[in-house]
Amino acid sequence: SRMESKRRELEEEWSFHRLEEQRRQMIDEQKEAEEARARQQRLHERDRLQKQVQATQDEKKRMRDQQKAEEEEYAQLVKADVARRRADDVAKKLQAQQEFRDFMSFNQKQLEEKKQQRMREMERDK
């Protein structure tokens, strides 16, 4: 009977230890699961923030590229305008030179004509 009670006591103690061990194991598993969830959330948040930063950087680059393209387009328009004005200036200069030559040629013909007319008058008056 004494042995029986000692055996029962040992079984209860062993059962208690086993239950305590199971309880500790469950607590450890729960902690591990919570830590894994927290790790997963941190990774998810990190990925979200990285994507947000990347999107911001991509937008900044797109804006810089767009501004650069607009500046380049403006520079091309200015160059084209300068070239057009130069061409207009050259054309006006050439036209003025031609008009001057035409004028000089006309004056020369007029002078020749007057000279010939005087010569004819002189011949006639003789």
Foldseek 3Di string as FASTA:
>chain_A
DVVVVVVVVVVVVVVVVVVVVVVVVVVVVVVVVVVVVVVVVVVVVVVVVVVVVVVVVVVVVVVVVVVVVVVVVVVVVVVVVVVVVVVVVVVVVVVVVVVVVVVVVVVVVVVVVVVVVVVVVVVVVD
